[in-house]
Amino acid sequence: MKWVALVIVVSLAGYTYVTLSYRKTNPAFRPYQDTKDRAGVMRLLSAGFQRVVLPAQRPADPAALPGGATVSAGPGGLPAELLSSLLDNPLLPETIDQVTASPRISAVLAYPIHFTCSLADQKRQLAGAELYIRDGAITIVPTFERLDGDLIARSRDNVVLVTIPAGTLKPGSFVATLVGERTSRTWTVQVH
């Protein structure tokens, strides 16, 4: 019996060593999701879009941000060119109510955008935001995800802070659009 126990211990030690020494450090390949993501990126690139995933948060204490940009209401929904390039339509807020953003920024600084939005129901929560840049147009798409089961959000109204990382925008003049299902908000940004 001692030989069987010795073989088991030696085998486990050898297996553990080989597993830890040669284990792949990256996440495992998910055929469907990885192929779908790659196809989505290729469609966006062929349409001329640059996509950047943005950090989005719901600040507990919304601090005053430098504003001053003249914001106007626009039609809701994604632009037709972007909509035809996406594989999955994101879950958008129903309306974008207010936007606070600066009309001028430096290309070497982060660009914070503070906005309020209303959701269609209380079964959604903030998932993040995506930035699409093409030919002097910036499209900011706040994305939400459905809550499972009996969970509901406290309110349909949300205060969101989205930050465009430093170096993302090149110097020039851009028309920025923050997209909602029914209403969007648009303003101009001068990057220097």
N, C-alpha and C. Protein backbone atom coordinates (compact mmCIF):
# COMPACT_ATOMS: atom_id res chain seq x y z
N MET A 1 0.82 -1.19 0.00
CA MET A 1 0.00 0.00 0.00
C MET A 1 0.87 1.25 0.00
N LYS A 2 2.06 1.17 0.65
CA LYS A 2 2.91 2.35 0.71
C LYS A 2 3.40 2.74 -0.68
N TRP A 3 3.57 1.75 -1.60
CA TRP A 3 4.02 2.07 -2.95
C TRP A 3 2.93 2.80 -3.74
N VAL A 4 1.70 2.42 -3.51
CA VAL A 4 0.58 3.10 -4.17
C VAL A 4 0.49 4.54 -3.70
N ALA A 5 0.63 4.76 -2.39
CA ALA A 5 0.59 6.11 -1.84
C ALA A 5 1.75 6.93 -2.37
N LEU A 6 2.95 6.32 -2.48
CA LEU A 6 4.12 7.02 -2.99
C LEU A 6 3.93 7.41 -4.45
N VAL A 7 3.37 6.52 -5.27
CA VAL A 7 3.11 6.83 -6.68
C VAL A 7 2.10 7.97 -6.80
N ILE A 8 1.06 7.97 -5.97
CA ILE A 8 0.06 9.04 -6.00
C ILE A 8 0.69 10.37 -5.62
N VAL A 9 1.51 10.40 -4.58
CA VAL A 9 2.14 11.64 -4.14
C VAL A 9 3.10 12.16 -5.21
N VAL A 10 3.92 11.28 -5.79
CA VAL A 10 4.87 11.69 -6.83
C VAL A 10 4.11 12.18 -8.06
N SER A 11 3.06 11.48 -8.44
CA SER A 11 2.26 11.89 -9.61
C SER A 11 1.62 13.25 -9.39
N LEU A 12 1.04 13.48 -8.22
CA LEU A 12 0.43 14.78 -7.91
C LEU A 12 1.47 15.89 -7.92
N ALA A 13 2.64 15.62 -7.37
CA ALA A 13 3.71 16.63 -7.35
C ALA A 13 4.15 16.95 -8.78
N GLY A 14 4.33 15.93 -9.59
CA GLY A 14 4.72 16.15 -10.99
C GLY A 14 3.66 16.89 -11.77
N TYR A 15 2.40 16.50 -11.61
CA TYR A 15 1.29 17.15 -12.31
C TYR A 15 1.19 18.63 -11.89
N THR A 16 1.32 18.89 -10.60
CA THR A 16 1.25 20.27 -10.10
C THR A 16 2.37 21.11 -10.67
N TYR A 17 3.58 20.58 -10.71
CA TYR A 17 4.72 21.32 -11.25
C TYR A 17 4.50 21.64 -12.74
N VAL A 18 4.12 20.65 -13.51
CA VAL A 18 3.91 20.86 -14.95
C VAL A 18 2.77 21.85 -15.18
N THR A 19 1.69 21.73 -14.43
CA THR A 19 0.54 22.63 -14.59
C THR A 19 0.92 24.07 -14.26
N LEU A 20 1.60 24.28 -13.16
CA LEU A 20 1.96 25.64 -12.77
C LEU A 20 3.05 26.23 -13.66
N SER A 21 3.94 25.41 -14.17
CA SER A 21 5.03 25.91 -15.00
C SER A 21 4.58 26.28 -16.41
N TYR A 22 3.65 25.53 -16.98
CA TYR A 22 3.28 25.71 -18.39
C TYR A 22 1.85 26.15 -18.60
N ARG A 23 1.18 26.63 -17.56
CA ARG A 23 -0.20 27.09 -17.69
C ARG A 23 -0.26 28.38 -18.49
N LYS A 24 -1.25 28.48 -19.32
CA LYS A 24 -1.48 29.70 -20.10
C LYS A 24 -1.94 30.80 -19.16
N THR A 25 -1.30 31.97 -19.24
CA THR A 25 -1.64 33.07 -18.33
C THR A 25 -2.85 33.87 -18.80
N ASN A 26 -3.12 33.87 -20.09
CA ASN A 26 -4.25 34.62 -20.63
C ASN A 26 -5.55 33.85 -20.42
N PRO A 27 -6.69 34.54 -20.52
CA PRO A 27 -7.96 33.83 -20.41
C PRO A 27 -8.11 32.79 -21.52
N ALA A 28 -8.91 31.82 -21.24
CA ALA A 28 -9.14 30.75 -22.22
C ALA A 28 -9.85 31.30 -23.45
N PHE A 29 -9.65 30.64 -24.57
CA PHE A 29 -10.29 31.02 -25.83
C PHE A 29 -11.77 30.66 -25.77
N ARG A 30 -12.61 31.66 -25.98
CA ARG A 30 -14.06 31.45 -26.05
C ARG A 30 -14.44 31.62 -27.51
N PRO A 31 -14.60 30.53 -28.24
CA PRO A 31 -14.76 30.62 -29.70
C PRO A 31 -15.85 31.58 -30.16
N TYR A 32 -17.04 31.47 -29.63
CA TYR A 32 -18.14 32.30 -30.11
C TYR A 32 -17.90 33.78 -29.77
N GLN A 33 -17.63 34.07 -28.50
CA GLN A 33 -17.49 35.46 -28.06
C GLN A 33 -16.27 36.12 -28.68
N ASP A 34 -15.14 35.43 -28.71
CA ASP A 34 -13.92 36.02 -29.27
C ASP A 34 -14.05 36.27 -30.77
N THR A 35 -14.67 35.36 -31.50
CA THR A 35 -14.87 35.55 -32.94
C THR A 35 -15.85 36.69 -33.20
N LYS A 36 -16.88 36.79 -32.39
CA LYS A 36 -17.86 37.86 -32.52
C LYS A 36 -17.21 39.22 -32.22
N ASP A 37 -16.38 39.29 -31.17
CA ASP A 37 -15.69 40.53 -30.85
C ASP A 37 -14.75 40.95 -31.97
N ARG A 38 -14.02 40.00 -32.52
CA ARG A 38 -13.09 40.29 -33.61
C ARG A 38 -13.85 40.78 -34.84
N ALA A 39 -14.98 40.16 -35.15
CA ALA A 39 -15.78 40.58 -36.30
C ALA A 39 -16.33 41.99 -36.09
N GLY A 40 -16.75 42.30 -34.86
CA GLY A 40 -17.25 43.63 -34.55
C GLY A 40 -16.18 44.70 -34.73
N VAL A 41 -14.97 44.41 -34.28
CA VAL A 41 -13.86 45.36 -34.44
C VAL A 41 -13.55 45.56 -35.92
N MET A 42 -13.55 44.49 -36.69
CA MET A 42 -13.26 44.61 -38.12
C MET A 42 -14.33 45.44 -38.85
N ARG A 43 -15.58 45.27 -38.47
CA ARG A 43 -16.66 46.05 -39.10
C ARG A 43 -16.51 47.53 -38.78
N LEU A 44 -16.18 47.85 -37.51
CA LEU A 44 -16.00 49.25 -37.13
C LEU A 44 -14.81 49.88 -37.85
N LEU A 45 -13.71 49.15 -37.92
CA LEU A 45 -12.53 49.68 -38.61
C LEU A 45 -12.79 49.88 -40.10
N SER A 46 -13.49 48.95 -40.73
CA SER A 46 -13.77 49.11 -42.16
C SER A 46 -14.73 50.27 -42.42
N ALA A 47 -15.56 50.62 -41.44
CA ALA A 47 -16.45 51.77 -41.58
C ALA A 47 -15.75 53.08 -41.20
N GLY A 48 -14.49 52.99 -40.70
CA GLY A 48 -13.74 54.20 -40.38
C GLY A 48 -13.86 54.66 -38.94
N PHE A 49 -14.44 53.86 -38.07
CA PHE A 49 -14.61 54.25 -36.68
C PHE A 49 -13.44 53.78 -35.83
N GLN A 50 -13.09 54.61 -34.86
CA GLN A 50 -12.16 54.22 -33.81
C GLN A 50 -13.01 54.05 -32.56
N ARG A 51 -12.88 52.91 -31.86
CA ARG A 51 -13.69 52.62 -30.68
C ARG A 51 -12.81 52.63 -29.44
N VAL A 52 -13.28 53.31 -28.40
CA VAL A 52 -12.57 53.38 -27.13
C VAL A 52 -13.59 53.08 -26.03
N VAL A 53 -13.25 52.13 -25.15
CA VAL A 53 -14.11 51.84 -24.00
C VAL A 53 -13.79 52.86 -22.91
N LEU A 54 -14.81 53.51 -22.40
CA LEU A 54 -14.63 54.58 -21.43
C LEU A 54 -15.04 54.14 -20.03
N PRO A 55 -14.33 54.64 -19.02
CA PRO A 55 -14.80 54.41 -17.66
C PRO A 55 -16.01 55.29 -17.38
N ALA A 56 -17.06 54.69 -16.87
CA ALA A 56 -18.27 55.42 -16.52
C ALA A 56 -18.62 55.07 -15.08
N GLN A 57 -19.03 56.07 -14.34
CA GLN A 57 -19.36 55.83 -12.94
C GLN A 57 -20.53 56.70 -12.52
N ARG A 58 -21.18 56.26 -11.48
CA ARG A 58 -22.25 57.05 -10.89
C ARG A 58 -21.70 57.67 -9.62
N PRO A 59 -21.26 58.92 -9.67
CA PRO A 59 -20.63 59.52 -8.49
C PRO A 59 -21.62 59.69 -7.35
N ALA A 60 -21.15 59.39 -6.14
CA ALA A 60 -22.00 59.55 -4.96
C ALA A 60 -22.23 61.02 -4.66
N ASP A 61 -21.20 61.83 -4.86
CA ASP A 61 -21.29 63.27 -4.62
C ASP A 61 -20.83 63.98 -5.88
N PRO A 62 -21.77 64.32 -6.77
CA PRO A 62 -21.35 64.94 -8.03
C PRO A 62 -20.70 66.29 -7.80
N ALA A 63 -19.40 66.36 -8.04
CA ALA A 63 -18.66 67.60 -7.89
C ALA A 63 -18.88 68.47 -9.12
N ALA A 64 -18.70 69.75 -8.94
CA ALA A 64 -18.88 70.67 -10.06
C ALA A 64 -17.73 70.52 -11.04
N LEU A 65 -18.06 70.28 -12.30
CA LEU A 65 -17.07 70.17 -13.35
C LEU A 65 -17.06 71.46 -14.16
N PRO A 66 -15.92 71.76 -14.79
CA PRO A 66 -15.92 72.94 -15.65
C PRO A 66 -16.85 72.72 -16.84
N GLY A 67 -17.82 73.57 -16.96
CA GLY A 67 -18.79 73.45 -18.05
C GLY A 67 -18.55 74.54 -19.06
N GLY A 68 -19.61 75.01 -19.63
CA GLY A 68 -19.52 76.11 -20.56
C GLY A 68 -19.86 75.76 -21.99
N ALA A 69 -19.90 74.48 -22.32
CA ALA A 69 -20.24 74.10 -23.69
C ALA A 69 -21.72 74.36 -23.92
N THR A 70 -22.04 74.87 -25.08
CA THR A 70 -23.44 75.09 -25.46
C THR A 70 -23.99 73.77 -25.96
N VAL A 71 -24.89 73.19 -25.18
CA VAL A 71 -25.43 71.87 -25.48
C VAL A 71 -26.83 72.03 -26.06
N SER A 72 -27.09 71.31 -27.15
CA SER A 72 -28.41 71.36 -27.77
C SER A 72 -28.99 69.95 -27.86
N ALA A 73 -30.31 69.89 -27.88
CA ALA A 73 -31.00 68.60 -27.99
C ALA A 73 -30.95 68.12 -29.43
N GLY A 74 -30.91 66.81 -29.57
CA GLY A 74 -30.89 66.22 -30.90
C GLY A 74 -31.77 64.99 -30.94
N PRO A 75 -31.92 64.41 -32.11
CA PRO A 75 -32.74 63.21 -32.22
C PRO A 75 -32.08 62.03 -31.51
N GLY A 76 -32.89 61.13 -31.02
CA GLY A 76 -32.38 59.96 -30.32
C GLY A 76 -31.92 58.88 -31.27
N GLY A 77 -31.28 57.89 -30.70
CA GLY A 77 -30.81 56.74 -31.47
C GLY A 77 -29.40 56.92 -32.00
N LEU A 78 -28.80 55.80 -32.34
CA LEU A 78 -27.45 55.81 -32.88
C LEU A 78 -27.45 56.33 -34.31
N PRO A 79 -26.37 57.00 -34.74
CA PRO A 79 -26.27 57.40 -36.15
C PRO A 79 -26.34 56.17 -37.06
N ALA A 80 -26.90 56.33 -38.23
CA ALA A 80 -27.14 55.19 -39.14
C ALA A 80 -25.84 54.45 -39.49
N GLU A 81 -24.74 55.20 -39.73
CA GLU A 81 -23.48 54.55 -40.09
C GLU A 81 -22.96 53.68 -38.95
N LEU A 82 -23.08 54.18 -37.72
CA LEU A 82 -22.62 53.42 -36.56
C LEU A 82 -23.54 52.24 -36.30
N LEU A 83 -24.82 52.43 -36.42
CA LEU A 83 -25.79 51.36 -36.19
C LEU A 83 -25.57 50.19 -37.14
N SER A 84 -25.25 50.49 -38.39
CA SER A 84 -25.02 49.42 -39.36
C SER A 84 -23.69 48.72 -39.14
N SER A 85 -22.77 49.34 -38.39
CA SER A 85 -21.46 48.74 -38.14
C SER A 85 -21.43 47.89 -36.88
N LEU A 86 -22.39 48.07 -35.98
CA LEU A 86 -22.40 47.31 -34.73
C LEU A 86 -23.11 45.97 -34.92
N LEU A 87 -22.59 44.94 -34.27
CA LEU A 87 -23.24 43.63 -34.32
C LEU A 87 -24.42 43.56 -33.35
N ASP A 88 -24.25 44.13 -32.16
CA ASP A 88 -25.32 44.15 -31.15
C ASP A 88 -25.66 45.59 -30.82
N ASN A 89 -26.95 45.88 -30.75
CA ASN A 89 -27.37 47.22 -30.37
C ASN A 89 -27.26 47.36 -28.85
N PRO A 90 -26.60 48.43 -28.38
CA PRO A 90 -26.48 48.61 -26.93
C PRO A 90 -27.80 49.03 -26.31
N LEU A 91 -27.94 48.75 -25.03
CA LEU A 91 -29.12 49.16 -24.26
C LEU A 91 -28.86 50.60 -23.79
N LEU A 92 -29.55 51.55 -24.41
CA LEU A 92 -29.32 52.97 -24.18
C LEU A 92 -30.27 53.53 -23.12
N PRO A 93 -29.91 54.68 -22.51
CA PRO A 93 -30.87 55.37 -21.66
C PRO A 93 -31.98 55.95 -22.54
N GLU A 94 -33.14 56.16 -21.96
CA GLU A 94 -34.25 56.69 -22.74
C GLU A 94 -33.99 58.12 -23.20
N THR A 95 -33.58 58.99 -22.28
CA THR A 95 -33.29 60.38 -22.63
C THR A 95 -32.01 60.83 -21.95
N ILE A 96 -31.31 61.73 -22.60
CA ILE A 96 -30.18 62.43 -22.00
C ILE A 96 -30.73 63.79 -21.61
N ASP A 97 -30.77 64.09 -20.32
CA ASP A 97 -31.44 65.29 -19.84
C ASP A 97 -30.53 66.52 -19.79
N GLN A 98 -29.38 66.40 -19.14
CA GLN A 98 -28.45 67.53 -19.02
C GLN A 98 -27.03 67.04 -19.24
N VAL A 99 -26.21 67.91 -19.80
CA VAL A 99 -24.79 67.59 -20.02
C VAL A 99 -23.96 68.77 -19.54
N THR A 100 -22.90 68.49 -18.79
CA THR A 100 -21.94 69.49 -18.38
C THR A 100 -20.59 69.07 -18.93
N ALA A 101 -20.04 69.87 -19.83
CA ALA A 101 -18.75 69.57 -20.44
C ALA A 101 -18.08 70.87 -20.84
N SER A 102 -16.78 70.81 -20.97
CA SER A 102 -16.02 71.98 -21.36
C SER A 102 -15.98 72.08 -22.89
N PRO A 103 -16.05 73.30 -23.44
CA PRO A 103 -15.99 73.44 -24.89
C PRO A 103 -14.56 73.38 -25.45
N ARG A 104 -13.55 73.55 -24.56
CA ARG A 104 -12.15 73.51 -24.98
C ARG A 104 -11.37 72.62 -24.02
N ILE A 105 -10.54 71.76 -24.60
CA ILE A 105 -9.72 70.88 -23.77
C ILE A 105 -8.34 70.75 -24.39
N SER A 106 -7.41 70.28 -23.58
CA SER A 106 -6.07 69.98 -24.06
C SER A 106 -6.02 68.50 -24.42
N ALA A 107 -5.29 68.16 -25.47
CA ALA A 107 -5.19 66.77 -25.91
C ALA A 107 -4.45 65.90 -24.90
N VAL A 108 -3.69 66.52 -24.00
CA VAL A 108 -2.90 65.74 -23.04
C VAL A 108 -3.60 65.59 -21.69
N LEU A 109 -4.83 66.07 -21.60
CA LEU A 109 -5.59 65.94 -20.35
C LEU A 109 -6.85 65.10 -20.58
N ALA A 110 -7.30 64.47 -19.53
CA ALA A 110 -8.56 63.71 -19.59
C ALA A 110 -9.73 64.68 -19.75
N TYR A 111 -10.79 64.22 -20.38
CA TYR A 111 -11.96 65.06 -20.64
C TYR A 111 -13.17 64.49 -19.91
N PRO A 112 -13.54 65.07 -18.75
CA PRO A 112 -14.71 64.56 -18.03
C PRO A 112 -16.01 65.14 -18.60
N ILE A 113 -17.01 64.28 -18.67
CA ILE A 113 -18.34 64.68 -19.13
C ILE A 113 -19.33 64.20 -18.08
N HIS A 114 -20.08 65.13 -17.55
CA HIS A 114 -21.06 64.84 -16.50
C HIS A 114 -22.44 64.98 -17.12
N PHE A 115 -23.30 63.97 -16.96
CA PHE A 115 -24.64 64.08 -17.54
C PHE A 115 -25.66 63.36 -16.67
N THR A 116 -26.91 63.74 -16.88
CA THR A 116 -28.03 63.06 -16.24
C THR A 116 -28.87 62.42 -17.34
N CYS A 117 -29.40 61.26 -17.03
CA CYS A 117 -30.22 60.56 -18.01
C CYS A 117 -31.37 59.86 -17.30
N SER A 118 -32.40 59.56 -18.07
CA SER A 118 -33.57 58.84 -17.56
C SER A 118 -33.65 57.50 -18.28
N LEU A 119 -34.00 56.48 -17.53
CA LEU A 119 -34.11 55.13 -18.09
C LEU A 119 -35.57 54.80 -18.34
N ALA A 120 -35.80 53.84 -19.22
CA ALA A 120 -37.17 53.44 -19.56
C ALA A 120 -37.84 52.73 -18.38
N ASP A 121 -37.06 52.02 -17.58
CA ASP A 121 -37.61 51.32 -16.42
C ASP A 121 -36.53 51.19 -15.35
N GLN A 122 -36.88 50.60 -14.23
CA GLN A 122 -35.94 50.45 -13.13
C GLN A 122 -35.22 49.10 -13.16
N LYS A 123 -35.24 48.43 -14.29
CA LYS A 123 -34.58 47.14 -14.43
C LYS A 123 -33.24 47.26 -15.18
N ARG A 124 -32.63 48.44 -15.13
CA ARG A 124 -31.36 48.67 -15.82
C ARG A 124 -30.35 49.27 -14.85
N GLN A 125 -29.07 48.96 -15.10
CA GLN A 125 -28.00 49.59 -14.34
C GLN A 125 -26.86 49.96 -15.28
N LEU A 126 -26.05 50.93 -14.89
CA LEU A 126 -24.96 51.41 -15.72
C LEU A 126 -23.92 50.30 -15.92
N ALA A 127 -23.55 50.06 -17.18
CA ALA A 127 -22.55 49.04 -17.49
C ALA A 127 -21.25 49.66 -17.98
N GLY A 128 -21.29 50.87 -18.48
CA GLY A 128 -20.09 51.51 -18.99
C GLY A 128 -20.44 52.49 -20.09
N ALA A 129 -19.46 52.81 -20.91
CA ALA A 129 -19.68 53.72 -22.03
C ALA A 129 -18.65 53.40 -23.11
N GLU A 130 -19.00 53.73 -24.33
CA GLU A 130 -18.11 53.53 -25.46
C GLU A 130 -18.04 54.81 -26.27
N LEU A 131 -16.87 55.09 -26.78
CA LEU A 131 -16.62 56.29 -27.57
C LEU A 131 -16.29 55.85 -28.99
N TYR A 132 -16.95 56.46 -29.96
CA TYR A 132 -16.69 56.18 -31.37
C TYR A 132 -16.27 57.49 -32.03
N ILE A 133 -15.11 57.48 -32.68
CA ILE A 133 -14.58 58.69 -33.33
C ILE A 133 -14.48 58.43 -34.83
N ARG A 134 -14.98 59.38 -35.60
CA ARG A 134 -14.86 59.28 -37.06
C ARG A 134 -15.06 60.65 -37.68
N ASP A 135 -14.10 61.10 -38.46
CA ASP A 135 -14.20 62.33 -39.25
C ASP A 135 -14.70 63.54 -38.47
N GLY A 136 -14.12 63.84 -37.36
CA GLY A 136 -14.50 65.02 -36.59
C GLY A 136 -15.79 64.87 -35.80
N ALA A 137 -16.32 63.65 -35.73
CA ALA A 137 -17.54 63.40 -34.95
C ALA A 137 -17.20 62.44 -33.81
N ILE A 138 -17.62 62.82 -32.62
CA ILE A 138 -17.45 61.98 -31.44
C ILE A 138 -18.84 61.51 -31.03
N THR A 139 -19.02 60.20 -30.94
CA THR A 139 -20.29 59.64 -30.49
C THR A 139 -20.03 58.90 -29.19
N ILE A 140 -20.67 59.34 -28.12
CA ILE A 140 -20.51 58.72 -26.81
C ILE A 140 -21.78 57.93 -26.53
N VAL A 141 -21.61 56.63 -26.31
CA VAL A 141 -22.74 55.73 -26.12
C VAL A 141 -22.68 55.17 -24.69
N PRO A 142 -23.51 55.70 -23.77
CA PRO A 142 -23.58 55.09 -22.44
C PRO A 142 -24.36 53.78 -22.54
N THR A 143 -23.82 52.72 -21.99
CA THR A 143 -24.48 51.43 -22.09
C THR A 143 -24.98 50.98 -20.73
N PHE A 144 -26.13 50.35 -20.77
CA PHE A 144 -26.75 49.83 -19.56
C PHE A 144 -27.00 48.35 -19.74
N GLU A 145 -27.16 47.65 -18.63
CA GLU A 145 -27.46 46.22 -18.69
C GLU A 145 -28.70 45.94 -17.87
N ARG A 146 -29.40 44.89 -18.23
CA ARG A 146 -30.62 44.51 -17.53
C ARG A 146 -30.29 43.86 -16.20
N LEU A 147 -31.09 44.18 -15.20
CA LEU A 147 -30.98 43.53 -13.89
C LEU A 147 -31.79 42.24 -13.91
N ASP A 148 -31.23 41.19 -13.35
CA ASP A 148 -31.90 39.89 -13.33
C ASP A 148 -32.84 39.76 -12.14
N GLY A 149 -33.78 38.86 -12.27
CA GLY A 149 -34.66 38.51 -11.16
C GLY A 149 -35.52 39.66 -10.70
N ASP A 150 -35.67 39.76 -9.38
CA ASP A 150 -36.51 40.79 -8.77
C ASP A 150 -35.76 42.07 -8.44
N LEU A 151 -34.50 42.17 -8.83
CA LEU A 151 -33.71 43.36 -8.53
C LEU A 151 -34.22 44.54 -9.35
N ILE A 152 -34.26 45.70 -8.71
CA ILE A 152 -34.61 46.94 -9.42
C ILE A 152 -33.69 48.05 -8.93
N ALA A 153 -33.49 49.04 -9.78
CA ALA A 153 -32.70 50.21 -9.41
C ALA A 153 -33.57 51.13 -8.55
N ARG A 154 -32.91 51.98 -7.78
CA ARG A 154 -33.66 52.88 -6.89
C ARG A 154 -34.46 53.92 -7.64
N SER A 155 -33.93 54.34 -8.78
CA SER A 155 -34.58 55.42 -9.51
C SER A 155 -34.36 55.22 -11.01
N ARG A 156 -35.23 55.81 -11.79
CA ARG A 156 -35.04 55.79 -13.24
C ARG A 156 -34.07 56.88 -13.68
N ASP A 157 -33.82 57.86 -12.81
CA ASP A 157 -32.91 58.96 -13.13
C ASP A 157 -31.51 58.62 -12.65
N ASN A 158 -30.52 58.88 -13.50
CA ASN A 158 -29.13 58.56 -13.19
C ASN A 158 -28.24 59.76 -13.42
N VAL A 159 -27.26 59.91 -12.55
CA VAL A 159 -26.20 60.90 -12.72
C VAL A 159 -24.95 60.10 -13.07
N VAL A 160 -24.32 60.42 -14.19
CA VAL A 160 -23.20 59.63 -14.70
C VAL A 160 -22.02 60.55 -15.01
N LEU A 161 -20.83 60.06 -14.69
CA LEU A 161 -19.58 60.74 -15.04
C LEU A 161 -18.80 59.83 -15.97
N VAL A 162 -18.55 60.31 -17.18
CA VAL A 162 -17.77 59.58 -18.18
C VAL A 162 -16.49 60.38 -18.40
N THR A 163 -15.36 59.68 -18.45
CA THR A 163 -14.08 60.36 -18.64
C THR A 163 -13.37 59.81 -19.87
N ILE A 164 -13.09 60.71 -20.83
CA ILE A 164 -12.32 60.33 -22.01
C ILE A 164 -10.85 60.43 -21.62
N PRO A 165 -10.09 59.33 -21.73
CA PRO A 165 -8.69 59.35 -21.29
C PRO A 165 -7.84 60.36 -22.06
N ALA A 166 -6.78 60.81 -21.40
CA ALA A 166 -5.85 61.74 -22.03
C ALA A 166 -5.22 61.10 -23.25
N GLY A 167 -5.05 61.88 -24.31
CA GLY A 167 -4.41 61.39 -25.52
C GLY A 167 -5.34 60.70 -26.50
N THR A 168 -6.60 60.51 -26.14
CA THR A 168 -7.55 59.84 -27.03
C THR A 168 -7.94 60.74 -28.18
N LEU A 169 -8.19 62.01 -27.89
CA LEU A 169 -8.62 62.96 -28.92
C LEU A 169 -7.41 63.72 -29.45
N LYS A 170 -7.31 63.79 -30.76
CA LYS A 170 -6.23 64.54 -31.42
C LYS A 170 -6.66 65.99 -31.56
N PRO A 171 -5.71 66.92 -31.69
CA PRO A 171 -6.08 68.33 -31.84
C PRO A 171 -6.99 68.55 -33.05
N GLY A 172 -7.97 69.40 -32.85
CA GLY A 172 -8.93 69.72 -33.90
C GLY A 172 -10.28 70.09 -33.31
N SER A 173 -11.25 70.25 -34.17
CA SER A 173 -12.60 70.59 -33.75
C SER A 173 -13.50 69.37 -33.95
N PHE A 174 -14.30 69.06 -32.94
CA PHE A 174 -15.17 67.89 -32.98
C PHE A 174 -16.59 68.27 -32.61
N VAL A 175 -17.53 67.52 -33.15
CA VAL A 175 -18.93 67.63 -32.74
C VAL A 175 -19.19 66.39 -31.89
N ALA A 176 -19.50 66.60 -30.62
CA ALA A 176 -19.72 65.50 -29.69
C ALA A 176 -21.21 65.25 -29.54
N THR A 177 -21.60 63.98 -29.53
CA THR A 177 -22.99 63.60 -29.35
C THR A 177 -23.06 62.53 -28.28
N LEU A 178 -23.89 62.76 -27.28
CA LEU A 178 -24.16 61.80 -26.22
C LEU A 178 -25.52 61.20 -26.54
N VAL A 179 -25.55 59.89 -26.79
CA VAL A 179 -26.71 59.24 -27.40
C VAL A 179 -27.67 58.67 -26.38
N GLY A 180 -28.97 58.93 -26.58
CA GLY A 180 -30.07 58.33 -25.84
C GLY A 180 -31.06 57.75 -26.84
N GLU A 181 -32.02 56.96 -26.37
CA GLU A 181 -32.99 56.34 -27.27
C GLU A 181 -33.91 57.37 -27.93
N ARG A 182 -34.48 58.27 -27.10
CA ARG A 182 -35.42 59.25 -27.65
C ARG A 182 -34.78 60.61 -27.90
N THR A 183 -33.90 61.05 -26.99
CA THR A 183 -33.21 62.34 -27.17
C THR A 183 -31.73 62.17 -26.90
N SER A 184 -30.95 62.89 -27.67
CA SER A 184 -29.51 62.94 -27.49
C SER A 184 -29.12 64.38 -27.24
N ARG A 185 -27.89 64.61 -26.85
CA ARG A 185 -27.37 65.97 -26.64
C ARG A 185 -26.10 66.13 -27.46
N THR A 186 -25.96 67.32 -28.07
CA THR A 186 -24.83 67.60 -28.97
C THR A 186 -24.17 68.91 -28.58
N TRP A 187 -22.83 68.97 -28.70
CA TRP A 187 -22.06 70.18 -28.45
C TRP A 187 -20.75 70.09 -29.25
N THR A 188 -20.06 71.21 -29.35
CA THR A 188 -18.78 71.22 -30.07
C THR A 188 -17.64 71.29 -29.07
N VAL A 189 -16.52 70.65 -29.42
CA VAL A 189 -15.34 70.60 -28.57
C VAL A 189 -14.14 70.98 -29.40
N GLN A 190 -13.36 71.90 -28.89
CA GLN A 190 -12.11 72.29 -29.54
C GLN A 190 -10.96 71.67 -28.75
N VAL A 191 -10.21 70.78 -29.39
CA VAL A 191 -9.07 70.12 -28.74
C VAL A 191 -7.79 70.77 -29.24
N HIS A 192 -6.95 71.21 -28.30
CA HIS A 192 -5.67 71.86 -28.69
C HIS A 192 -4.53 71.27 -27.89
